[in-house]
Amino acid sequence: MKKAFTLPTCKTCVRIFEELQPAAHGCEVIDIKSEGIAAEDLDRMAELAGSYEAVFSRRAMKFRSMGLADQELKESDYRRLILEEYTFLKRPVFLFADSVHAGSAKVAVSAAQAAMTA
């Protein structure tokens, strides 16, 4: 299983996808805005990452506008929020059979590239 979760309007995602070309490496590319995030995929991401919080984006504009920055969120909250609103998924996310790499940090992108070509 190789899946790449992205938002095509995100300039950072576009830049990373141009660099890595996940579709060329056999990744199923999923547009999280139009296709959404399957609960099974999110659960697998959290399992591999160690938590739902690890794949949750605190940079999402709705994080502050919904007052979430002032709340103490539980794992169930992170899961629910990501499934309800795609913008809460840290992106891009590369999900493989035995690893997940989320976000645009150089370390995450390099690890995703190594896993993609392995």
PDB file of N, CA and C in Angstrom:
ATOM      1  N   MET A   1       0.846  -1.175   0.000  1.00  0.00           N
ATOM      2  CA  MET A   1       0.000   0.000   0.000  1.00  0.00           C
ATOM      3  C   MET A   1       0.893   1.240   0.000  1.00  0.00           C
ATOM      4  N   LYS A   2       0.656   2.107  -0.936  1.00  0.00           N
ATOM      5  CA  LYS A   2       1.331   3.401  -1.000  1.00  0.00           C
ATOM      6  C   LYS A   2       0.267   4.446  -1.302  1.00  0.00           C
ATOM      7  N   LYS A   3       0.064   5.359  -0.349  1.00  0.00           N
ATOM      8  CA  LYS A   3      -0.926   6.420  -0.543  1.00  0.00           C
ATOM      9  C   LYS A   3      -0.293   7.760  -0.201  1.00  0.00           C
ATOM     10  N   ALA A   4      -0.661   8.757  -0.973  1.00  0.00           N
ATOM     11  CA  ALA A   4      -0.192  10.122  -0.744  1.00  0.00           C
ATOM     12  C   ALA A   4      -1.419  11.013  -0.615  1.00  0.00           C
ATOM     13  N   PHE A   5      -1.563  11.659   0.531  1.00  0.00           N
ATOM     14  CA  PHE A   5      -2.707  12.522   0.806  1.00  0.00           C
ATOM     15  C   PHE A   5      -2.259  13.971   0.641  1.00  0.00           C
ATOM     16  N   THR A   6      -3.013  14.713  -0.160  1.00  0.00           N
ATOM     17  CA  THR A   6      -2.611  16.078  -0.479  1.00  0.00           C
ATOM     18  C   THR A   6      -3.813  16.984  -0.656  1.00  0.00           C
ATOM     19  N   LEU A   7      -3.508  18.251  -0.726  1.00  0.00           N
ATOM     20  CA  LEU A   7      -4.481  19.273  -1.068  1.00  0.00           C
ATOM     21  C   LEU A   7      -3.902  19.995  -2.278  1.00  0.00           C
ATOM     22  N   PRO A   8      -4.469  19.783  -3.467  1.00  0.00           N
ATOM     23  CA  PRO A   8      -3.891  20.336  -4.699  1.00  0.00           C
ATOM     24  C   PRO A   8      -3.741  21.852  -4.726  1.00  0.00           C
ATOM     25  N   THR A   9      -4.469  22.574  -3.880  1.00  0.00           N
ATOM     26  CA  THR A   9      -4.360  24.024  -3.848  1.00  0.00           C
ATOM     27  C   THR A   9      -3.276  24.503  -2.884  1.00  0.00           C
ATOM     28  N   CYS A  10      -2.652  23.588  -2.189  1.00  0.00           N
ATOM     29  CA  CYS A  10      -1.595  23.915  -1.235  1.00  0.00           C
ATOM     30  C   CYS A  10      -0.260  23.998  -1.983  1.00  0.00           C
ATOM     31  N   LYS A  11       0.334  25.175  -1.995  1.00  0.00           N
ATOM     32  CA  LYS A  11       1.580  25.380  -2.742  1.00  0.00           C
ATOM     33  C   LYS A  11       2.714  24.516  -2.215  1.00  0.00           C
ATOM     34  N   THR A  12       2.748  24.300  -0.920  1.00  0.00           N
ATOM     35  CA  THR A  12       3.786  23.455  -0.335  1.00  0.00           C
ATOM     36  C   THR A  12       3.621  22.011  -0.808  1.00  0.00           C
ATOM     37  N   CYS A  13       2.383  21.525  -0.811  1.00  0.00           N
ATOM     38  CA  CYS A  13       2.120  20.165  -1.303  1.00  0.00           C
ATOM     39  C   CYS A  13       2.511  20.038  -2.770  1.00  0.00           C
ATOM     40  N   VAL A  14       2.159  21.020  -3.561  1.00  0.00           N
ATOM     41  CA  VAL A  14       2.482  20.992  -4.996  1.00  0.00           C
ATOM     42  C   VAL A  14       3.994  20.913  -5.192  1.00  0.00           C
ATOM     43  N   ARG A  15       4.734  21.726  -4.439  1.00  0.00           N
ATOM     44  CA  ARG A  15       6.198  21.729  -4.542  1.00  0.00           C
ATOM     45  C   ARG A  15       6.775  20.363  -4.168  1.00  0.00           C
ATOM     46  N   ILE A  16       6.289  19.800  -3.085  1.00  0.00           N
ATOM     47  CA  ILE A  16       6.790  18.496  -2.634  1.00  0.00           C
ATOM     48  C   ILE A  16       6.414  17.404  -3.627  1.00  0.00           C
ATOM     49  N   PHE A  17       5.211  17.455  -4.162  1.00  0.00           N
ATOM     50  CA  PHE A  17       4.775  16.434  -5.115  1.00  0.00           C
ATOM     51  C   PHE A  17       5.550  16.533  -6.424  1.00  0.00           C
ATOM     52  N   GLU A  18       5.901  17.750  -6.837  1.00  0.00           N
ATOM     53  CA  GLU A  18       6.721  17.904  -8.036  1.00  0.00           C
ATOM     54  C   GLU A  18       8.104  17.305  -7.813  1.00  0.00           C
ATOM     55  N   GLU A  19       8.616  17.462  -6.619  1.00  0.00           N
ATOM     56  CA  GLU A  19       9.935  16.931  -6.284  1.00  0.00           C
ATOM     57  C   GLU A  19       9.922  15.401  -6.173  1.00  0.00           C
ATOM     58  N   LEU A  20       8.911  14.865  -5.502  1.00  0.00           N
ATOM     59  CA  LEU A  20       8.876  13.419  -5.229  1.00  0.00           C
ATOM     60  C   LEU A  20       8.154  12.602  -6.296  1.00  0.00           C
ATOM     61  N   GLN A  21       7.225  13.204  -7.003  1.00  0.00           N
ATOM     62  CA  GLN A  21       6.414  12.512  -8.007  1.00  0.00           C
ATOM     63  C   GLN A  21       5.861  11.184  -7.478  1.00  0.00           C
ATOM     64  N   PRO A  22       5.018  11.246  -6.448  1.00  0.00           N
ATOM     65  CA  PRO A  22       4.517  10.015  -5.821  1.00  0.00           C
ATOM     66  C   PRO A  22       3.753   9.091  -6.765  1.00  0.00           C
ATOM     67  N   ALA A  23       3.000   9.642  -7.702  1.00  0.00           N
ATOM     68  CA  ALA A  23       2.246   8.795  -8.632  1.00  0.00           C
ATOM     69  C   ALA A  23       3.201   7.951  -9.477  1.00  0.00           C
ATOM     70  N   ALA A  24       4.345   8.515  -9.811  1.00  0.00           N
ATOM     71  CA  ALA A  24       5.334   7.786 -10.609  1.00  0.00           C
ATOM     72  C   ALA A  24       5.942   6.625  -9.823  1.00  0.00           C
ATOM     73  N   HIS A  25       5.841   6.687  -8.513  1.00  0.00           N
ATOM     74  CA  HIS A  25       6.367   5.622  -7.652  1.00  0.00           C
ATOM     75  C   HIS A  25       5.262   4.663  -7.197  1.00  0.00           C
ATOM     76  N   GLY A  26       4.125   4.721  -7.857  1.00  0.00           N
ATOM     77  CA  GLY A  26       3.037   3.796  -7.555  1.00  0.00           C
ATOM     78  C   GLY A  26       2.152   4.195  -6.394  1.00  0.00           C
ATOM     79  N   CYS A  27       2.214   5.451  -5.981  1.00  0.00           N
ATOM     80  CA  CYS A  27       1.355   5.920  -4.897  1.00  0.00           C
ATOM     81  C   CYS A  27      -0.022   6.300  -5.436  1.00  0.00           C
ATOM     82  N   GLU A  28      -1.024   5.916  -4.702  1.00  0.00           N
ATOM     83  CA  GLU A  28      -2.372   6.397  -4.984  1.00  0.00           C
ATOM     84  C   GLU A  28      -2.454   7.801  -4.395  1.00  0.00           C
ATOM     85  N   VAL A  29      -2.703   8.791  -5.218  1.00  0.00           N
ATOM     86  CA  VAL A  29      -2.762  10.177  -4.758  1.00  0.00           C
ATOM     87  C   VAL A  29      -4.209  10.514  -4.414  1.00  0.00           C
ATOM     88  N   ILE A  30      -4.412  10.979  -3.184  1.00  0.00           N
ATOM     89  CA  ILE A  30      -5.754  11.265  -2.689  1.00  0.00           C
ATOM     90  C   ILE A  30      -5.883  12.752  -2.385  1.00  0.00           C
ATOM     91  N   ASP A  31      -6.840  13.386  -3.043  1.00  0.00           N
ATOM     92  CA  ASP A  31      -7.167  14.794  -2.811  1.00  0.00           C
ATOM     93  C   ASP A  31      -8.085  14.826  -1.596  1.00  0.00           C
ATOM     94  N   ILE A  32      -7.579  15.289  -0.469  1.00  0.00           N
ATOM     95  CA  ILE A  32      -8.356  15.211   0.772  1.00  0.00           C
ATOM     96  C   ILE A  32      -9.566  16.134   0.777  1.00  0.00           C
ATOM     97  N   LYS A  33      -9.556  17.160  -0.062  1.00  0.00           N
ATOM     98  CA  LYS A  33     -10.718  18.054  -0.117  1.00  0.00           C
ATOM     99  C   LYS A  33     -11.871  17.411  -0.864  1.00  0.00           C
ATOM    100  N   SER A  34     -11.597  16.824  -2.017  1.00  0.00           N
ATOM    101  CA  SER A  34     -12.684  16.255  -2.816  1.00  0.00           C
ATOM    102  C   SER A  34     -13.009  14.815  -2.433  1.00  0.00           C
ATOM    103  N   GLU A  35     -12.011  14.055  -2.006  1.00  0.00           N
ATOM    104  CA  GLU A  35     -12.244  12.641  -1.686  1.00  0.00           C
ATOM    105  C   GLU A  35     -12.416  12.377  -0.194  1.00  0.00           C
ATOM    106  N   GLY A  36     -11.952  13.298   0.628  1.00  0.00           N
ATOM    107  CA  GLY A  36     -12.035  13.099   2.067  1.00  0.00           C
ATOM    108  C   GLY A  36     -10.959  12.139   2.555  1.00  0.00           C
ATOM    109  N   ILE A  37     -11.026  11.835   3.828  1.00  0.00           N
ATOM    110  CA  ILE A  37     -10.058  10.947   4.463  1.00  0.00           C
ATOM    111  C   ILE A  37     -10.828   9.765   5.037  1.00  0.00           C
ATOM    112  N   ALA A  38     -10.519   8.576   4.581  1.00  0.00           N
ATOM    113  CA  ALA A  38     -11.196   7.377   5.084  1.00  0.00           C
ATOM    114  C   ALA A  38     -10.770   7.130   6.528  1.00  0.00           C
ATOM    115  N   ALA A  39     -11.729   6.760   7.352  1.00  0.00           N
ATOM    116  CA  ALA A  39     -11.438   6.489   8.761  1.00  0.00           C
ATOM    117  C   ALA A  39     -10.367   5.413   8.908  1.00  0.00           C
ATOM    118  N   GLU A  40     -10.400   4.402   8.029  1.00  0.00           N
ATOM    119  CA  GLU A  40      -9.413   3.323   8.103  1.00  0.00           C
ATOM    120  C   GLU A  40      -8.012   3.848   7.837  1.00  0.00           C
ATOM    121  N   ASP A  41      -7.892   4.755   6.865  1.00  0.00           N
ATOM    122  CA  ASP A  41      -6.590   5.344   6.555  1.00  0.00           C
ATOM    123  C   ASP A  41      -6.096   6.198   7.720  1.00  0.00           C
ATOM    124  N   LEU A  42      -6.969   6.998   8.281  1.00  0.00           N
ATOM    125  CA  LEU A  42      -6.586   7.837   9.410  1.00  0.00           C
ATOM    126  C   LEU A  42      -6.171   6.985  10.601  1.00  0.00           C
ATOM    127  N   ASP A  43      -6.911   5.927  10.866  1.00  0.00           N
ATOM    128  CA  ASP A  43      -6.572   5.042  11.980  1.00  0.00           C
ATOM    129  C   ASP A  43      -5.205   4.404  11.772  1.00  0.00           C
ATOM    130  N   ARG A  44      -4.902   4.024  10.529  1.00  0.00           N
ATOM    131  CA  ARG A  44      -3.594   3.426  10.225  1.00  0.00           C
ATOM    132  C   ARG A  44      -2.488   4.472  10.382  1.00  0.00           C
ATOM    133  N   MET A  45      -2.752   5.708   9.955  1.00  0.00           N
ATOM    134  CA  MET A  45      -1.771   6.782  10.130  1.00  0.00           C
ATOM    135  C   MET A  45      -1.440   6.955  11.614  1.00  0.00           C
ATOM    136  N   ALA A  46      -2.478   7.016  12.432  1.00  0.00           N
ATOM    137  CA  ALA A  46      -2.282   7.222  13.872  1.00  0.00           C
ATOM    138  C   ALA A  46      -1.551   6.043  14.500  1.00  0.00           C
ATOM    139  N   GLU A  47      -1.880   4.850  14.056  1.00  0.00           N
ATOM    140  CA  GLU A  47      -1.214   3.653  14.578  1.00  0.00           C
ATOM    141  C   GLU A  47       0.287   3.716  14.288  1.00  0.00           C
ATOM    142  N   LEU A  48       0.644   4.063  13.056  1.00  0.00           N
ATOM    143  CA  LEU A  48       2.046   4.120  12.664  1.00  0.00           C
ATOM    144  C   LEU A  48       2.775   5.331  13.254  1.00  0.00           C
ATOM    145  N   ALA A  49       2.074   6.451  13.395  1.00  0.00           N
ATOM    146  CA  ALA A  49       2.680   7.673  13.924  1.00  0.00           C
ATOM    147  C   ALA A  49       2.708   7.690  15.447  1.00  0.00           C
ATOM    148  N   GLY A  50       1.889   6.872  16.069  1.00  0.00           N
ATOM    149  CA  GLY A  50       1.847   6.826  17.525  1.00  0.00           C
ATOM    150  C   GLY A  50       0.685   7.573  18.141  1.00  0.00           C
ATOM    151  N   SER A  51       0.015   8.408  17.348  1.00  0.00           N
ATOM    152  CA  SER A  51      -1.140   9.145  17.860  1.00  0.00           C
ATOM    153  C   SER A  51      -1.830   9.889  16.715  1.00  0.00           C
ATOM    154  N   TYR A  52      -3.059  10.298  16.978  1.00  0.00           N
ATOM    155  CA  TYR A  52      -3.771  11.146  16.017  1.00  0.00           C
ATOM    156  C   TYR A  52      -3.185  12.551  16.055  1.00  0.00           C
ATOM    157  N   GLU A  53      -2.714  12.954  17.209  1.00  0.00           N
ATOM    158  CA  GLU A  53      -2.120  14.283  17.343  1.00  0.00           C
ATOM    159  C   GLU A  53      -0.909  14.449  16.420  1.00  0.00           C
ATOM    160  N   ALA A  54      -0.177  13.370  16.181  1.00  0.00           N
ATOM    161  CA  ALA A  54       1.020  13.428  15.335  1.00  0.00           C
ATOM    162  C   ALA A  54       0.695  13.779  13.881  1.00  0.00           C
ATOM    163  N   VAL A  55      -0.523  13.528  13.441  1.00  0.00           N
ATOM    164  CA  VAL A  55      -0.906  13.847  12.060  1.00  0.00           C
ATOM    165  C   VAL A  55      -1.909  15.004  12.014  1.00  0.00           C
ATOM    166  N   PHE A  56      -2.058  15.693  13.132  1.00  0.00           N
ATOM    167  CA  PHE A  56      -2.988  16.816  13.252  1.00  0.00           C
ATOM    168  C   PHE A  56      -2.239  18.119  13.011  1.00  0.00           C
ATOM    169  N   SER A  57      -2.825  18.998  12.211  1.00  0.00           N
ATOM    170  CA  SER A  57      -2.206  20.284  11.903  1.00  0.00           C
ATOM    171  C   SER A  57      -2.762  21.386  12.794  1.00  0.00           C
ATOM    172  N   ARG A  58      -1.895  21.942  13.598  1.00  0.00           N
ATOM    173  CA  ARG A  58      -2.274  23.097  14.419  1.00  0.00           C
ATOM    174  C   ARG A  58      -2.144  24.392  13.623  1.00  0.00           C
ATOM    175  N   ARG A  59      -1.639  24.297  12.403  1.00  0.00           N
ATOM    176  CA  ARG A  59      -1.505  25.467  11.536  1.00  0.00           C
ATOM    177  C   ARG A  59      -2.798  25.790  10.790  1.00  0.00           C
ATOM    178  N   ALA A  60      -3.741  24.875  10.792  1.00  0.00           N
ATOM    179  CA  ALA A  60      -5.001  25.102  10.087  1.00  0.00           C
ATOM    180  C   ALA A  60      -5.673  26.365  10.629  1.00  0.00           C
ATOM    181  N   MET A  61      -6.186  27.171   9.729  1.00  0.00           N
ATOM    182  CA  MET A  61      -6.822  28.425  10.133  1.00  0.00           C
ATOM    183  C   MET A  61      -7.973  28.184  11.104  1.00  0.00           C
ATOM    184  N   LYS A  62      -8.663  27.088  10.926  1.00  0.00           N
ATOM    185  CA  LYS A  62      -9.812  26.793  11.781  1.00  0.00           C
ATOM    186  C   LYS A  62      -9.398  26.428  13.208  1.00  0.00           C
ATOM    187  N   PHE A  63      -8.140  26.061  13.392  1.00  0.00           N
ATOM    188  CA  PHE A  63      -7.671  25.686  14.723  1.00  0.00           C
ATOM    189  C   PHE A  63      -7.886  26.831  15.709  1.00  0.00           C
ATOM    190  N   ARG A  64      -7.507  28.017  15.313  1.00  0.00           N
ATOM    191  CA  ARG A  64      -7.689  29.180  16.195  1.00  0.00           C
ATOM    192  C   ARG A  64      -9.120  29.719  16.121  1.00  0.00           C
ATOM    193  N   SER A  65      -9.691  29.765  14.919  1.00  0.00           N
ATOM    194  CA  SER A  65     -11.031  30.347  14.775  1.00  0.00           C
ATOM    195  C   SER A  65     -12.093  29.545  15.520  1.00  0.00           C
ATOM    196  N   MET A  66     -11.848  28.250  15.694  1.00  0.00           N
ATOM    197  CA  MET A  66     -12.793  27.409  16.441  1.00  0.00           C
ATOM    198  C   MET A  66     -12.478  27.401  17.935  1.00  0.00           C
ATOM    199  N   GLY A  67     -11.454  28.131  18.337  1.00  0.00           N
ATOM    200  CA  GLY A  67     -11.093  28.192  19.750  1.00  0.00           C
ATOM    201  C   GLY A  67     -10.394  26.940  20.260  1.00  0.00           C
ATOM    202  N   LEU A  68      -9.872  26.129  19.348  1.00  0.00           N
ATOM    203  CA  LEU A  68      -9.255  24.866  19.755  1.00  0.00           C
ATOM    204  C   LEU A  68      -7.916  25.072  20.447  1.00  0.00           C
ATOM    205  N   ALA A  69      -7.252  26.185  20.158  1.00  0.00           N
ATOM    206  CA  ALA A  69      -5.954  26.461  20.778  1.00  0.00           C
ATOM    207  C   ALA A  69      -6.085  26.619  22.292  1.00  0.00           C
ATOM    208  N   ASP A  70      -7.276  26.968  22.739  1.00  0.00           N
ATOM    209  CA  ASP A  70      -7.512  27.185  24.163  1.00  0.00           C
ATOM    210  C   ASP A  70      -8.081  25.956  24.867  1.00  0.00           C
ATOM    211  N   GLN A  71      -8.233  24.867  24.129  1.00  0.00           N
ATOM    212  CA  GLN A  71      -8.816  23.648  24.702  1.00  0.00           C
ATOM    213  C   GLN A  71      -7.766  22.562  24.861  1.00  0.00           C
ATOM    214  N   GLU A  72      -8.021  21.668  25.788  1.00  0.00           N
ATOM    215  CA  GLU A  72      -7.169  20.497  25.949  1.00  0.00           C
ATOM    216  C   GLU A  72      -7.829  19.354  25.172  1.00  0.00           C
ATOM    217  N   LEU A  73      -7.233  19.012  24.052  1.00  0.00           N
ATOM    218  CA  LEU A  73      -7.824  18.015  23.166  1.00  0.00           C
ATOM    219  C   LEU A  73      -7.334  16.618  23.518  1.00  0.00           C
ATOM    220  N   LYS A  74      -8.232  15.654  23.356  1.00  0.00           N
ATOM    221  CA  LYS A  74      -7.912  14.235  23.571  1.00  0.00           C
ATOM    222  C   LYS A  74      -7.717  13.579  22.209  1.00  0.00           C
ATOM    223  N   GLU A  75      -7.190  12.379  22.209  1.00  0.00           N
ATOM    224  CA  GLU A  75      -6.985  11.639  20.958  1.00  0.00           C
ATOM    225  C   GLU A  75      -8.284  11.508  20.176  1.00  0.00           C
ATOM    226  N   SER A  76      -9.381  11.252  20.871  1.00  0.00           N
ATOM    227  CA  SER A  76     -10.670  11.117  20.184  1.00  0.00           C
ATOM    228  C   SER A  76     -11.080  12.436  19.523  1.00  0.00           C
ATOM    229  N   ASP A  77     -10.700  13.552  20.132  1.00  0.00           N
ATOM    230  CA  ASP A  77     -10.994  14.864  19.538  1.00  0.00           C
ATOM    231  C   ASP A  77     -10.196  15.067  18.258  1.00  0.00           C
ATOM    232  N   TYR A  78      -8.906  14.728  18.303  1.00  0.00           N
ATOM    233  CA  TYR A  78      -8.070  14.874  17.100  1.00  0.00           C
ATOM    234  C   TYR A  78      -8.646  14.034  15.960  1.00  0.00           C
ATOM    235  N   ARG A  79      -9.010  12.798  16.264  1.00  0.00           N
ATOM    236  CA  ARG A  79      -9.567  11.908  15.238  1.00  0.00           C
ATOM    237  C   ARG A  79     -10.837  12.500  14.642  1.00  0.00           C
ATOM    238  N   ARG A  80     -11.755  12.896  15.499  1.00  0.00           N
ATOM    239  CA  ARG A  80     -13.033  13.451  15.048  1.00  0.00           C
ATOM    240  C   ARG A  80     -12.830  14.697  14.203  1.00  0.00           C
ATOM    241  N   LEU A  81     -11.973  15.593  14.657  1.00  0.00           N
ATOM    242  CA  LEU A  81     -11.733  16.843  13.938  1.00  0.00           C
ATOM    243  C   LEU A  81     -11.149  16.597  12.553  1.00  0.00           C
ATOM    244  N   ILE A  82     -10.193  15.684  12.448  1.00  0.00           N
ATOM    245  CA  ILE A  82      -9.595  15.393  11.140  1.00  0.00           C
ATOM    246  C   ILE A  82     -10.633  14.798  10.197  1.00  0.00           C
ATOM    247  N   LEU A  83     -11.455  13.900  10.705  1.00  0.00           N
ATOM    248  CA  LEU A  83     -12.473  13.281   9.847  1.00  0.00           C
ATOM    249  C   LEU A  83     -13.561  14.276   9.441  1.00  0.00           C
ATOM    250  N   GLU A  84     -13.850  15.239  10.300  1.00  0.00           N
ATOM    251  CA  GLU A  84     -14.880  16.230   9.997  1.00  0.00           C
ATOM    252  C   GLU A  84     -14.371  17.342   9.074  1.00  0.00           C
ATOM    253  N   GLU A  85     -13.104  17.693   9.196  1.00  0.00           N
ATOM    254  CA  GLU A  85     -12.560  18.837   8.464  1.00  0.00           C
ATOM    255  C   GLU A  85     -11.163  18.489   7.942  1.00  0.00           C
ATOM    256  N   TYR A  86     -11.064  18.323   6.633  1.00  0.00           N
ATOM    257  CA  TYR A  86      -9.817  17.890   6.003  1.00  0.00           C
ATOM    258  C   TYR A  86      -8.625  18.793   6.316  1.00  0.00           C
ATOM    259  N   THR A  87      -8.869  20.067   6.597  1.00  0.00           N
ATOM    260  CA  THR A  87      -7.757  20.992   6.830  1.00  0.00           C
ATOM    261  C   THR A  87      -6.970  20.673   8.096  1.00  0.00           C
ATOM    262  N   PHE A  88      -7.524  19.836   8.960  1.00  0.00           N
ATOM    263  CA  PHE A  88      -6.817  19.477  10.184  1.00  0.00           C
ATOM    264  C   PHE A  88      -5.794  18.357   9.977  1.00  0.00           C
ATOM    265  N   LEU A  89      -5.745  17.777   8.799  1.00  0.00           N
ATOM    266  CA  LEU A  89      -4.734  16.759   8.533  1.00  0.00           C
ATOM    267  C   LEU A  89      -3.438  17.467   8.147  1.00  0.00           C
ATOM    268  N   LYS A  90      -2.370  17.153   8.860  1.00  0.00           N
ATOM    269  CA  LYS A  90      -1.055  17.688   8.505  1.00  0.00           C
ATOM    270  C   LYS A  90      -0.744  17.172   7.111  1.00  0.00           C
ATOM    271  N   ARG A  91      -0.212  18.039   6.248  1.00  0.00           N
ATOM    272  CA  ARG A  91      -0.001  17.574   4.884  1.00  0.00           C
ATOM    273  C   ARG A  91       1.311  18.080   4.310  1.00  0.00           C
ATOM    274  N   PRO A  92       1.740  17.335   3.313  1.00  0.00           N
ATOM    275  CA  PRO A  92       1.166  16.093   2.780  1.00  0.00           C
ATOM    276  C   PRO A  92       1.443  14.926   3.727  1.00  0.00           C
ATOM    277  N   VAL A  93       0.690  13.844   3.519  1.00  0.00           N
ATOM    278  CA  VAL A  93       0.897  12.616   4.280  1.00  0.00           C
ATOM    279  C   VAL A  93       1.180  11.505   3.285  1.00  0.00           C
ATOM    280  N   PHE A  94       2.247  10.772   3.562  1.00  0.00           N
ATOM    281  CA  PHE A  94       2.601   9.601   2.764  1.00  0.00           C
ATOM    282  C   PHE A  94       2.416   8.387   3.654  1.00  0.00           C
ATOM    283  N   LEU A  95       1.486   7.519   3.271  1.00  0.00           N
ATOM    284  CA  LEU A  95       1.148   6.335   4.058  1.00  0.00           C
ATOM    285  C   LEU A  95       1.606   5.100   3.313  1.00  0.00           C
ATOM    286  N   PHE A  96       2.471   4.337   3.955  1.00  0.00           N
ATOM    287  CA  PHE A  96       2.989   3.099   3.386  1.00  0.00           C
ATOM    288  C   PHE A  96       2.612   1.954   4.310  1.00  0.00           C
ATOM    289  N   ALA A  97       2.863   0.733   3.895  1.00  0.00           N
ATOM    290  CA  ALA A  97       2.474  -0.443   4.677  1.00  0.00           C
ATOM    291  C   ALA A  97       3.056  -0.413   6.089  1.00  0.00           C
ATOM    292  N   ASP A  98       4.283   0.079   6.221  1.00  0.00           N
ATOM    293  CA  ASP A  98       4.925   0.024   7.538  1.00  0.00           C
ATOM    294  C   ASP A  98       5.405   1.374   8.060  1.00  0.00           C
ATOM    295  N   SER A  99       5.004   2.482   7.411  1.00  0.00           N
ATOM    296  CA  SER A  99       5.416   3.797   7.898  1.00  0.00           C
ATOM    297  C   SER A  99       4.464   4.879   7.410  1.00  0.00           C
ATOM    298  N   VAL A 100       4.512   5.997   8.115  1.00  0.00           N
ATOM    299  CA  VAL A 100       3.747   7.178   7.723  1.00  0.00           C
ATOM    300  C   VAL A 100       4.665   8.379   7.904  1.00  0.00           C
ATOM    301  N   HIS A 101       4.554   9.323   6.971  1.00  0.00           N
ATOM    302  CA  HIS A 101       5.369  10.526   7.002  1.00  0.00           C
ATOM    303  C   HIS A 101       4.438  11.705   6.745  1.00  0.00           C
ATOM    304  N   ALA A 102       4.307  12.575   7.739  1.00  0.00           N
ATOM    305  CA  ALA A 102       3.343  13.673   7.646  1.00  0.00           C
ATOM    306  C   ALA A 102       4.032  15.012   7.782  1.00  0.00           C
ATOM    307  N   GLY A 103       3.615  15.937   6.954  1.00  0.00           N
ATOM    308  CA  GLY A 103       4.105  17.298   7.048  1.00  0.00           C
ATOM    309  C   GLY A 103       5.168  17.620   6.026  1.00  0.00           C
ATOM    310  N   SER A 104       5.567  18.882   6.038  1.00  0.00           N
ATOM    311  CA  SER A 104       6.488  19.381   5.026  1.00  0.00           C
ATOM    312  C   SER A 104       7.910  19.580   5.537  1.00  0.00           C
ATOM    313  N   ALA A 105       8.182  19.158   6.744  1.00  0.00           N
ATOM    314  CA  ALA A 105       9.544  19.276   7.279  1.00  0.00           C
ATOM    315  C   ALA A 105      10.492  18.440   6.424  1.00  0.00           C
ATOM    316  N   LYS A 106      11.711  18.919   6.257  1.00  0.00           N
ATOM    317  CA  LYS A 106      12.681  18.224   5.408  1.00  0.00           C
ATOM    318  C   LYS A 106      12.888  16.774   5.839  1.00  0.00           C
ATOM    319  N   VAL A 107      12.888  16.539   7.131  1.00  0.00           N
ATOM    320  CA  VAL A 107      13.079  15.185   7.647  1.00  0.00           C
ATOM    321  C   VAL A 107      11.942  14.267   7.187  1.00  0.00           C
ATOM    322  N   ALA A 108      10.707  14.754   7.279  1.00  0.00           N
ATOM    323  CA  ALA A 108       9.547  13.953   6.871  1.00  0.00           C
ATOM    324  C   ALA A 108       9.554  13.705   5.368  1.00  0.00           C
ATOM    325  N   VAL A 109       9.888  14.721   4.588  1.00  0.00           N
ATOM    326  CA  VAL A 109       9.896  14.586   3.131  1.00  0.00           C
ATOM    327  C   VAL A 109      11.004  13.623   2.697  1.00  0.00           C
ATOM    328  N   SER A 110      12.177  13.736   3.306  1.00  0.00           N
ATOM    329  CA  SER A 110      13.285  12.828   2.977  1.00  0.00           C
ATOM    330  C   SER A 110      12.945  11.389   3.332  1.00  0.00           C
ATOM    331  N   ALA A 111      12.315  11.197   4.485  1.00  0.00           N
ATOM    332  CA  ALA A 111      11.918   9.848   4.906  1.00  0.00           C
ATOM    333  C   ALA A 111      10.854   9.281   3.961  1.00  0.00           C
ATOM    334  N   ALA A 112       9.933  10.120   3.521  1.00  0.00           N
ATOM    335  CA  ALA A 112       8.904   9.680   2.581  1.00  0.00           C
ATOM    336  C   ALA A 112       9.539   9.273   1.254  1.00  0.00           C
ATOM    337  N   GLN A 113      10.494  10.061   0.805  1.00  0.00           N
ATOM    338  CA  GLN A 113      11.172   9.744  -0.459  1.00  0.00           C
ATOM    339  C   GLN A 113      11.921   8.419  -0.351  1.00  0.00           C
ATOM    340  N   ALA A 114      12.601   8.204   0.754  1.00  0.00           N
ATOM    341  CA  ALA A 114      13.335   6.951   0.946  1.00  0.00           C
ATOM    342  C   ALA A 114      12.372   5.762   0.987  1.00  0.00           C
ATOM    343  N   ALA A 115      11.248   5.912   1.673  1.00  0.00           N
ATOM    344  CA  ALA A 115      10.269   4.825   1.763  1.00  0.00           C
ATOM    345  C   ALA A 115       9.595   4.561   0.416  1.00  0.00           C
ATOM    346  N   MET A 116       9.385   5.634  -0.336  1.00  0.00           N
ATOM    347  CA  MET A 116       8.722   5.520  -1.634  1.00  0.00           C
ATOM    348  C   MET A 116       9.572   4.746  -2.638  1.00  0.00           C
ATOM    349  N   THR A 117      10.859   4.935  -2.566  1.00  0.00           N
ATOM    350  CA  THR A 117      11.745   4.297  -3.541  1.00  0.00           C
ATOM    351  C   THR A 117      12.299   2.956  -3.067  1.00  0.00           C
ATOM    352  N   ALA A 118      11.973   2.580  -1.845  1.00  0.00           N
ATOM    353  CA  ALA A 118      12.475   1.297  -1.303  1.00  0.00           C
ATOM    354  C   ALA A 118      11.748   0.112  -1.892  1.00  0.00           C
TER     355      ALA A 118
END
